[in-house]
Amino acid sequence: MNILVLCTGNSARSILLESLLNTLGAGRVMAYSAGSNPSGRVHPQSLVLLAEKQHDTSGARSKSWDEFGTETAPEMDLVITVCGSAAQEECPMWPGAPLRTHWGVEDPAAASEPDWDQAFRTAYTVLEKRARAFLALEFEHMSKDVLNVELSRIGDIL
């Protein structure tokens, strides 16, 4: 299953979830991330936390969702948006994905630098719980309707 994780800047939340899904998914999924208005760099605290948690960050980069709208891009089976609501963030919409879900998390990159560690850990913890709940499903054998219900439920996990 190809999964595209979208947010605005593609520097923190989407990078974290992409890495979590690829690491924990152990080949069952291939996750990618992108932003509607990419910052152009992965937030340094994302890299610090992922390295601490033993994730491979060698391929992590902030990129535009335009990369996934080309004919040669992988076809997505699922698009997950991770935008939060506290800053009235507008979540990007991805056309044509068979399945879409929203797993909102407040942006840890919006925290002041002294609060980065806690903000990123909080976001990582929530996203890790959701990634594990998703990967615990036998999604390969579920109808789209049943999977949609499960995806929505997972988005409420804190």
N, C-alpha and C. Protein backbone atom coordinates (compact mmCIF):
# COMPACT_ATOMS: atom_id res chain seq x y z
N MET A 1 0.85 -1.18 0.00
CA MET A 1 0.00 0.00 0.00
C MET A 1 0.89 1.24 0.00
N ASN A 2 0.66 2.12 -0.95
CA ASN A 2 1.39 3.39 -1.01
C ASN A 2 0.59 4.45 -0.26
N ILE A 3 1.27 5.13 0.65
CA ILE A 3 0.63 6.14 1.50
C ILE A 3 1.36 7.46 1.34
N LEU A 4 0.59 8.52 1.11
CA LEU A 4 1.15 9.87 1.05
C LEU A 4 0.66 10.63 2.27
N VAL A 5 1.61 11.14 3.06
CA VAL A 5 1.29 11.93 4.25
C VAL A 5 1.49 13.39 3.89
N LEU A 6 0.43 14.17 4.03
CA LEU A 6 0.47 15.58 3.64
C LEU A 6 0.29 16.52 4.82
N CYS A 7 1.02 17.61 4.79
CA CYS A 7 0.77 18.75 5.65
C CYS A 7 1.18 19.98 4.86
N THR A 8 1.34 21.06 5.53
CA THR A 8 1.66 22.30 4.83
C THR A 8 3.14 22.38 4.50
N GLY A 9 4.01 22.36 5.54
CA GLY A 9 5.43 22.62 5.34
C GLY A 9 6.30 21.41 5.07
N ASN A 10 5.81 20.20 5.36
CA ASN A 10 6.58 18.97 5.17
C ASN A 10 7.96 19.07 5.83
N SER A 11 7.94 19.50 7.11
CA SER A 11 9.20 19.58 7.84
C SER A 11 9.14 18.83 9.17
N ALA A 12 7.94 18.52 9.65
CA ALA A 12 7.83 17.92 10.97
C ALA A 12 6.85 16.74 10.98
N ARG A 13 5.55 17.03 11.18
CA ARG A 13 4.56 15.95 11.36
C ARG A 13 4.56 14.94 10.23
N SER A 14 4.51 15.40 9.00
CA SER A 14 4.45 14.47 7.87
C SER A 14 5.73 13.66 7.75
N ILE A 15 6.86 14.28 8.06
CA ILE A 15 8.15 13.58 8.06
C ILE A 15 8.15 12.50 9.15
N LEU A 16 7.65 12.84 10.33
CA LEU A 16 7.60 11.87 11.43
C LEU A 16 6.73 10.67 11.07
N LEU A 17 5.52 10.93 10.54
CA LEU A 17 4.62 9.82 10.22
C LEU A 17 5.15 8.99 9.06
N GLU A 18 5.72 9.63 8.06
CA GLU A 18 6.34 8.88 6.95
C GLU A 18 7.37 7.90 7.50
N SER A 19 8.24 8.37 8.36
CA SER A 19 9.29 7.52 8.91
C SER A 19 8.70 6.41 9.79
N LEU A 20 7.72 6.76 10.61
CA LEU A 20 7.09 5.75 11.46
C LEU A 20 6.45 4.64 10.63
N LEU A 21 5.69 5.01 9.62
CA LEU A 21 5.02 4.00 8.79
C LEU A 21 6.03 3.12 8.06
N ASN A 22 7.08 3.72 7.54
CA ASN A 22 8.08 2.92 6.82
C ASN A 22 8.86 2.01 7.75
N THR A 23 9.19 2.51 8.93
CA THR A 23 9.96 1.71 9.88
C THR A 23 9.11 0.60 10.49
N LEU A 24 7.94 0.96 11.01
CA LEU A 24 7.08 -0.02 11.67
C LEU A 24 6.37 -0.94 10.67
N GLY A 25 6.17 -0.43 9.47
CA GLY A 25 5.44 -1.20 8.45
C GLY A 25 6.22 -2.35 7.87
N ALA A 26 7.52 -2.32 8.03
CA ALA A 26 8.38 -3.44 7.61
C ALA A 26 8.01 -4.01 6.25
N GLY A 27 7.81 -3.13 5.26
CA GLY A 27 7.54 -3.59 3.91
C GLY A 27 6.07 -3.74 3.55
N ARG A 28 5.18 -3.67 4.52
CA ARG A 28 3.74 -3.77 4.22
C ARG A 28 3.22 -2.51 3.55
N VAL A 29 3.86 -1.38 3.86
CA VAL A 29 3.46 -0.10 3.28
C VAL A 29 4.70 0.62 2.79
N MET A 30 4.48 1.54 1.88
CA MET A 30 5.54 2.44 1.45
C MET A 30 4.97 3.83 1.64
N ALA A 31 5.52 4.56 2.60
CA ALA A 31 5.01 5.89 2.91
C ALA A 31 5.91 6.96 2.31
N TYR A 32 5.27 8.03 1.90
CA TYR A 32 5.93 9.21 1.35
C TYR A 32 5.33 10.41 2.08
N SER A 33 6.01 11.54 2.04
CA SER A 33 5.42 12.74 2.61
C SER A 33 5.69 13.91 1.70
N ALA A 34 4.83 14.92 1.83
CA ALA A 34 4.98 16.13 1.02
C ALA A 34 4.18 17.25 1.67
N GLY A 35 4.40 18.45 1.16
CA GLY A 35 3.68 19.60 1.68
C GLY A 35 3.08 20.44 0.56
N SER A 36 1.99 21.11 0.87
CA SER A 36 1.38 22.00 -0.11
C SER A 36 2.19 23.28 -0.26
N ASN A 37 2.93 23.63 0.79
CA ASN A 37 3.81 24.80 0.77
C ASN A 37 5.08 24.42 1.54
N PRO A 38 5.91 23.55 0.95
CA PRO A 38 7.04 22.99 1.69
C PRO A 38 8.03 24.05 2.16
N SER A 39 8.56 23.81 3.35
CA SER A 39 9.52 24.75 3.95
C SER A 39 10.87 24.68 3.25
N GLY A 40 11.13 23.56 2.57
CA GLY A 40 12.41 23.40 1.89
C GLY A 40 13.48 22.74 2.74
N ARG A 41 13.15 22.49 4.01
CA ARG A 41 14.10 21.79 4.89
C ARG A 41 13.32 21.00 5.94
N VAL A 42 13.88 19.89 6.33
CA VAL A 42 13.31 19.13 7.43
C VAL A 42 13.69 19.85 8.72
N HIS A 43 12.74 20.02 9.59
CA HIS A 43 13.01 20.69 10.86
C HIS A 43 14.12 19.93 11.60
N PRO A 44 15.12 20.64 12.12
CA PRO A 44 16.23 19.94 12.78
C PRO A 44 15.79 19.06 13.95
N GLN A 45 14.73 19.46 14.65
CA GLN A 45 14.27 18.64 15.78
C GLN A 45 13.63 17.35 15.31
N SER A 46 13.05 17.35 14.11
CA SER A 46 12.53 16.10 13.53
C SER A 46 13.67 15.11 13.36
N LEU A 47 14.77 15.60 12.83
CA LEU A 47 15.93 14.73 12.58
C LEU A 47 16.55 14.24 13.89
N VAL A 48 16.63 15.11 14.88
CA VAL A 48 17.18 14.73 16.19
C VAL A 48 16.34 13.62 16.81
N LEU A 49 15.01 13.82 16.83
CA LEU A 49 14.13 12.84 17.46
C LEU A 49 14.12 11.52 16.70
N LEU A 50 14.03 11.58 15.38
CA LEU A 50 14.02 10.34 14.61
C LEU A 50 15.33 9.56 14.76
N ALA A 51 16.44 10.26 14.80
CA ALA A 51 17.73 9.59 15.01
C ALA A 51 17.77 8.94 16.38
N GLU A 52 17.27 9.65 17.38
CA GLU A 52 17.23 9.10 18.75
C GLU A 52 16.39 7.83 18.80
N LYS A 53 15.33 7.78 17.99
CA LYS A 53 14.42 6.63 17.98
C LYS A 53 14.87 5.57 16.97
N GLN A 54 16.09 5.70 16.45
CA GLN A 54 16.70 4.71 15.55
C GLN A 54 16.05 4.64 14.17
N HIS A 55 15.50 5.76 13.69
CA HIS A 55 14.96 5.81 12.34
C HIS A 55 16.06 6.24 11.37
N ASP A 56 16.02 5.71 10.18
CA ASP A 56 16.94 6.13 9.12
C ASP A 56 16.43 7.46 8.56
N THR A 57 17.21 8.50 8.68
CA THR A 57 16.79 9.82 8.19
C THR A 57 17.56 10.24 6.94
N SER A 58 18.30 9.32 6.36
CA SER A 58 19.15 9.69 5.23
C SER A 58 18.37 10.21 4.02
N GLY A 59 17.14 9.76 3.84
CA GLY A 59 16.36 10.21 2.69
C GLY A 59 15.33 11.28 3.02
N ALA A 60 15.33 11.74 4.27
CA ALA A 60 14.33 12.73 4.69
C ALA A 60 14.59 14.07 4.02
N ARG A 61 13.55 14.60 3.38
CA ARG A 61 13.67 15.93 2.79
C ARG A 61 12.28 16.55 2.66
N SER A 62 12.23 17.85 2.74
CA SER A 62 11.00 18.60 2.58
C SER A 62 10.75 18.78 1.09
N LYS A 63 9.55 18.37 0.63
CA LYS A 63 9.28 18.42 -0.80
C LYS A 63 7.84 18.80 -1.07
N SER A 64 7.62 19.26 -2.27
CA SER A 64 6.28 19.66 -2.71
C SER A 64 5.47 18.45 -3.11
N TRP A 65 4.18 18.54 -2.86
CA TRP A 65 3.29 17.48 -3.29
C TRP A 65 3.22 17.38 -4.81
N ASP A 66 3.72 18.39 -5.51
CA ASP A 66 3.76 18.35 -6.97
C ASP A 66 4.55 17.14 -7.48
N GLU A 67 5.54 16.70 -6.69
CA GLU A 67 6.34 15.53 -7.09
C GLU A 67 5.49 14.27 -7.23
N PHE A 68 4.36 14.25 -6.54
CA PHE A 68 3.52 13.06 -6.54
C PHE A 68 2.34 13.19 -7.49
N GLY A 69 2.31 14.28 -8.25
CA GLY A 69 1.24 14.50 -9.21
C GLY A 69 1.67 14.25 -10.64
N THR A 70 2.85 13.67 -10.82
CA THR A 70 3.35 13.41 -12.17
C THR A 70 2.98 12.00 -12.61
N GLU A 71 3.12 11.75 -13.90
CA GLU A 71 2.79 10.43 -14.45
C GLU A 71 3.73 9.34 -13.93
N THR A 72 4.95 9.71 -13.57
CA THR A 72 5.93 8.71 -13.13
C THR A 72 5.90 8.48 -11.62
N ALA A 73 5.10 9.26 -10.90
CA ALA A 73 5.02 9.12 -9.44
C ALA A 73 4.25 7.85 -9.09
N PRO A 74 4.55 7.27 -7.93
CA PRO A 74 3.80 6.10 -7.50
C PRO A 74 2.33 6.45 -7.30
N GLU A 75 1.46 5.51 -7.60
CA GLU A 75 0.02 5.73 -7.38
C GLU A 75 -0.29 5.52 -5.91
N MET A 76 -0.98 6.49 -5.32
CA MET A 76 -1.28 6.42 -3.90
C MET A 76 -2.57 5.66 -3.63
N ASP A 77 -2.52 4.81 -2.61
CA ASP A 77 -3.70 4.07 -2.17
C ASP A 77 -4.40 4.80 -1.03
N LEU A 78 -3.64 5.60 -0.30
CA LEU A 78 -4.16 6.30 0.87
C LEU A 78 -3.43 7.62 1.02
N VAL A 79 -4.18 8.68 1.33
CA VAL A 79 -3.59 9.97 1.65
C VAL A 79 -4.03 10.34 3.06
N ILE A 80 -3.05 10.65 3.90
CA ILE A 80 -3.30 11.04 5.29
C ILE A 80 -2.86 12.48 5.46
N THR A 81 -3.77 13.35 5.90
CA THR A 81 -3.39 14.72 6.24
C THR A 81 -3.18 14.78 7.74
N VAL A 82 -2.19 15.57 8.15
CA VAL A 82 -1.84 15.64 9.58
C VAL A 82 -1.86 17.07 10.12
N CYS A 83 -2.51 17.99 9.41
CA CYS A 83 -2.57 19.39 9.84
C CYS A 83 -3.35 19.50 11.15
N GLY A 84 -2.96 20.46 11.98
CA GLY A 84 -3.65 20.71 13.23
C GLY A 84 -4.69 21.79 13.06
N SER A 85 -5.39 22.09 14.14
CA SER A 85 -6.45 23.10 14.06
C SER A 85 -6.16 24.35 14.87
N ALA A 86 -5.20 24.31 15.78
CA ALA A 86 -4.97 25.43 16.68
C ALA A 86 -4.62 26.72 15.94
N ALA A 87 -3.87 26.62 14.86
CA ALA A 87 -3.45 27.82 14.13
C ALA A 87 -4.31 28.04 12.88
N GLN A 88 -5.51 27.44 12.86
CA GLN A 88 -6.39 27.54 11.70
C GLN A 88 -5.67 27.16 10.41
N GLU A 89 -4.84 26.14 10.51
CA GLU A 89 -4.12 25.64 9.34
C GLU A 89 -5.10 25.11 8.32
N GLU A 90 -4.82 25.35 7.08
CA GLU A 90 -5.62 24.78 6.01
C GLU A 90 -4.93 23.52 5.51
N CYS A 91 -5.64 22.41 5.57
CA CYS A 91 -5.07 21.15 5.11
C CYS A 91 -5.13 21.06 3.60
N PRO A 92 -4.07 20.55 2.99
CA PRO A 92 -4.12 20.36 1.54
C PRO A 92 -5.08 19.23 1.17
N MET A 93 -5.69 19.36 0.01
CA MET A 93 -6.57 18.31 -0.51
C MET A 93 -5.84 17.61 -1.65
N TRP A 94 -5.89 16.30 -1.66
CA TRP A 94 -5.24 15.53 -2.71
C TRP A 94 -6.31 14.92 -3.61
N PRO A 95 -6.31 15.24 -4.87
CA PRO A 95 -7.33 14.71 -5.77
C PRO A 95 -7.05 13.26 -6.15
N GLY A 96 -8.10 12.51 -6.30
CA GLY A 96 -7.99 11.20 -6.92
C GLY A 96 -7.58 10.04 -6.04
N ALA A 97 -7.26 10.27 -4.78
CA ALA A 97 -6.85 9.15 -3.92
C ALA A 97 -8.07 8.30 -3.59
N PRO A 98 -7.95 7.00 -3.70
CA PRO A 98 -9.09 6.15 -3.35
C PRO A 98 -9.52 6.31 -1.89
N LEU A 99 -8.57 6.48 -1.00
CA LEU A 99 -8.88 6.65 0.41
C LEU A 99 -8.19 7.89 0.94
N ARG A 100 -8.91 8.64 1.77
CA ARG A 100 -8.34 9.82 2.42
C ARG A 100 -8.78 9.83 3.87
N THR A 101 -7.87 10.26 4.73
CA THR A 101 -8.23 10.39 6.14
C THR A 101 -7.45 11.54 6.74
N HIS A 102 -7.94 12.03 7.86
CA HIS A 102 -7.28 13.14 8.55
C HIS A 102 -6.88 12.68 9.95
N TRP A 103 -5.58 12.78 10.24
CA TRP A 103 -5.05 12.46 11.56
C TRP A 103 -4.36 13.70 12.11
N GLY A 104 -5.13 14.72 12.41
CA GLY A 104 -4.59 16.01 12.83
C GLY A 104 -3.72 15.96 14.08
N VAL A 105 -2.63 16.68 14.01
CA VAL A 105 -1.69 16.85 15.12
C VAL A 105 -1.21 18.29 15.06
N GLU A 106 -1.15 18.93 16.23
CA GLU A 106 -0.67 20.32 16.25
C GLU A 106 0.79 20.35 15.80
N ASP A 107 1.17 21.43 15.17
CA ASP A 107 2.49 21.55 14.56
C ASP A 107 3.57 21.80 15.61
N PRO A 108 4.44 20.83 15.84
CA PRO A 108 5.51 21.04 16.83
C PRO A 108 6.51 22.10 16.37
N ALA A 109 6.61 22.31 15.06
CA ALA A 109 7.54 23.31 14.54
C ALA A 109 7.09 24.72 14.88
N ALA A 110 5.82 24.88 15.28
CA ALA A 110 5.31 26.19 15.66
C ALA A 110 5.69 26.56 17.10
N ALA A 111 6.20 25.58 17.85
CA ALA A 111 6.61 25.83 19.24
C ALA A 111 7.88 26.68 19.26
N SER A 112 8.07 27.40 20.35
CA SER A 112 9.32 28.16 20.48
C SER A 112 10.46 27.18 20.74
N GLU A 113 11.66 27.56 20.37
CA GLU A 113 12.80 26.64 20.42
C GLU A 113 12.99 25.96 21.78
N PRO A 114 12.82 26.66 22.90
CA PRO A 114 12.98 25.94 24.18
C PRO A 114 11.95 24.82 24.38
N ASP A 115 10.83 24.88 23.65
CA ASP A 115 9.77 23.88 23.80
C ASP A 115 9.78 22.82 22.71
N TRP A 116 10.73 22.88 21.80
CA TRP A 116 10.78 21.93 20.70
C TRP A 116 10.79 20.49 21.16
N ASP A 117 11.66 20.16 22.11
CA ASP A 117 11.80 18.76 22.51
C ASP A 117 10.45 18.18 22.92
N GLN A 118 9.75 18.87 23.81
CA GLN A 118 8.46 18.35 24.29
C GLN A 118 7.42 18.34 23.18
N ALA A 119 7.37 19.39 22.37
CA ALA A 119 6.38 19.47 21.29
C ALA A 119 6.57 18.35 20.27
N PHE A 120 7.81 18.09 19.90
CA PHE A 120 8.07 17.03 18.93
C PHE A 120 7.82 15.65 19.52
N ARG A 121 8.16 15.46 20.78
CA ARG A 121 7.89 14.17 21.43
C ARG A 121 6.39 13.90 21.52
N THR A 122 5.63 14.94 21.82
CA THR A 122 4.18 14.79 21.90
C THR A 122 3.61 14.40 20.54
N ALA A 123 4.01 15.10 19.49
CA ALA A 123 3.54 14.78 18.15
C ALA A 123 3.96 13.36 17.76
N TYR A 124 5.20 13.00 18.02
CA TYR A 124 5.72 11.67 17.68
C TYR A 124 4.90 10.59 18.40
N THR A 125 4.63 10.79 19.68
CA THR A 125 3.90 9.79 20.46
C THR A 125 2.51 9.55 19.89
N VAL A 126 1.79 10.62 19.56
CA VAL A 126 0.45 10.48 18.99
C VAL A 126 0.53 9.78 17.63
N LEU A 127 1.45 10.22 16.79
CA LEU A 127 1.58 9.62 15.45
C LEU A 127 2.02 8.16 15.53
N GLU A 128 2.87 7.84 16.49
CA GLU A 128 3.30 6.45 16.65
C GLU A 128 2.11 5.56 17.05
N LYS A 129 1.27 6.03 17.97
CA LYS A 129 0.09 5.26 18.36
C LYS A 129 -0.82 5.01 17.17
N ARG A 130 -1.00 6.04 16.36
CA ARG A 130 -1.86 5.91 15.19
C ARG A 130 -1.25 4.98 14.15
N ALA A 131 0.04 5.11 13.91
CA ALA A 131 0.72 4.23 12.95
C ALA A 131 0.61 2.77 13.41
N ARG A 132 0.84 2.52 14.68
CA ARG A 132 0.75 1.15 15.20
C ARG A 132 -0.68 0.60 15.08
N ALA A 133 -1.67 1.44 15.38
CA ALA A 133 -3.07 1.01 15.27
C ALA A 133 -3.41 0.67 13.82
N PHE A 134 -2.93 1.49 12.89
CA PHE A 134 -3.17 1.22 11.47
C PHE A 134 -2.49 -0.08 11.05
N LEU A 135 -1.25 -0.23 11.42
CA LEU A 135 -0.49 -1.42 11.01
C LEU A 135 -0.98 -2.70 11.69
N ALA A 136 -1.72 -2.56 12.79
CA ALA A 136 -2.30 -3.74 13.44
C ALA A 136 -3.51 -4.27 12.67
N LEU A 137 -4.05 -3.44 11.78
CA LEU A 137 -5.19 -3.87 10.96
C LEU A 137 -4.74 -4.83 9.87
N GLU A 138 -5.64 -5.69 9.45
CA GLU A 138 -5.39 -6.51 8.27
C GLU A 138 -5.98 -5.76 7.07
N PHE A 139 -5.43 -4.56 6.82
CA PHE A 139 -6.00 -3.67 5.81
C PHE A 139 -5.95 -4.25 4.40
N GLU A 140 -5.04 -5.19 4.17
CA GLU A 140 -4.95 -5.82 2.86
C GLU A 140 -6.23 -6.58 2.50
N HIS A 141 -6.99 -6.98 3.52
CA HIS A 141 -8.18 -7.81 3.32
C HIS A 141 -9.47 -7.08 3.68
N MET A 142 -9.40 -5.77 3.88
CA MET A 142 -10.58 -5.01 4.29
C MET A 142 -11.20 -4.31 3.09
N SER A 143 -12.52 -4.18 3.13
CA SER A 143 -13.18 -3.37 2.11
C SER A 143 -12.83 -1.91 2.37
N LYS A 144 -12.95 -1.09 1.35
CA LYS A 144 -12.65 0.34 1.50
C LYS A 144 -13.57 0.99 2.54
N ASP A 145 -14.82 0.56 2.57
CA ASP A 145 -15.76 1.13 3.54
C ASP A 145 -15.35 0.82 4.97
N VAL A 146 -15.00 -0.41 5.23
CA VAL A 146 -14.57 -0.81 6.58
C VAL A 146 -13.26 -0.11 6.93
N LEU A 147 -12.34 -0.06 5.98
CA LEU A 147 -11.06 0.60 6.23
C LEU A 147 -11.26 2.08 6.51
N ASN A 148 -12.17 2.73 5.79
CA ASN A 148 -12.46 4.14 6.05
C ASN A 148 -12.92 4.37 7.48
N VAL A 149 -13.78 3.50 7.98
CA VAL A 149 -14.27 3.61 9.36
C VAL A 149 -13.09 3.47 10.33
N GLU A 150 -12.23 2.50 10.08
CA GLU A 150 -11.07 2.28 10.95
C GLU A 150 -10.10 3.46 10.89
N LEU A 151 -9.87 3.99 9.71
CA LEU A 151 -8.97 5.13 9.56
C LEU A 151 -9.48 6.34 10.34
N SER A 152 -10.78 6.55 10.29
CA SER A 152 -11.39 7.66 11.03
C SER A 152 -11.23 7.44 12.54
N ARG A 153 -11.46 6.22 12.99
CA ARG A 153 -11.30 5.89 14.41
C ARG A 153 -9.86 6.12 14.86
N ILE A 154 -8.92 5.70 14.05
CA ILE A 154 -7.50 5.86 14.39
C ILE A 154 -7.14 7.34 14.50
N GLY A 155 -7.74 8.17 13.68
CA GLY A 155 -7.47 9.60 13.74
C GLY A 155 -7.86 10.26 15.05
N ASP A 156 -8.68 9.58 15.84
CA ASP A 156 -9.10 10.10 17.15
C ASP A 156 -8.19 9.64 18.29
N ILE A 157 -7.27 8.75 18.01
CA ILE A 157 -6.37 8.24 19.05
C ILE A 157 -5.42 9.34 19.49
N LEU A 158 -5.35 9.53 20.78
CA LEU A 158 -4.40 10.50 21.34
C LEU A 158 -3.38 9.74 22.14
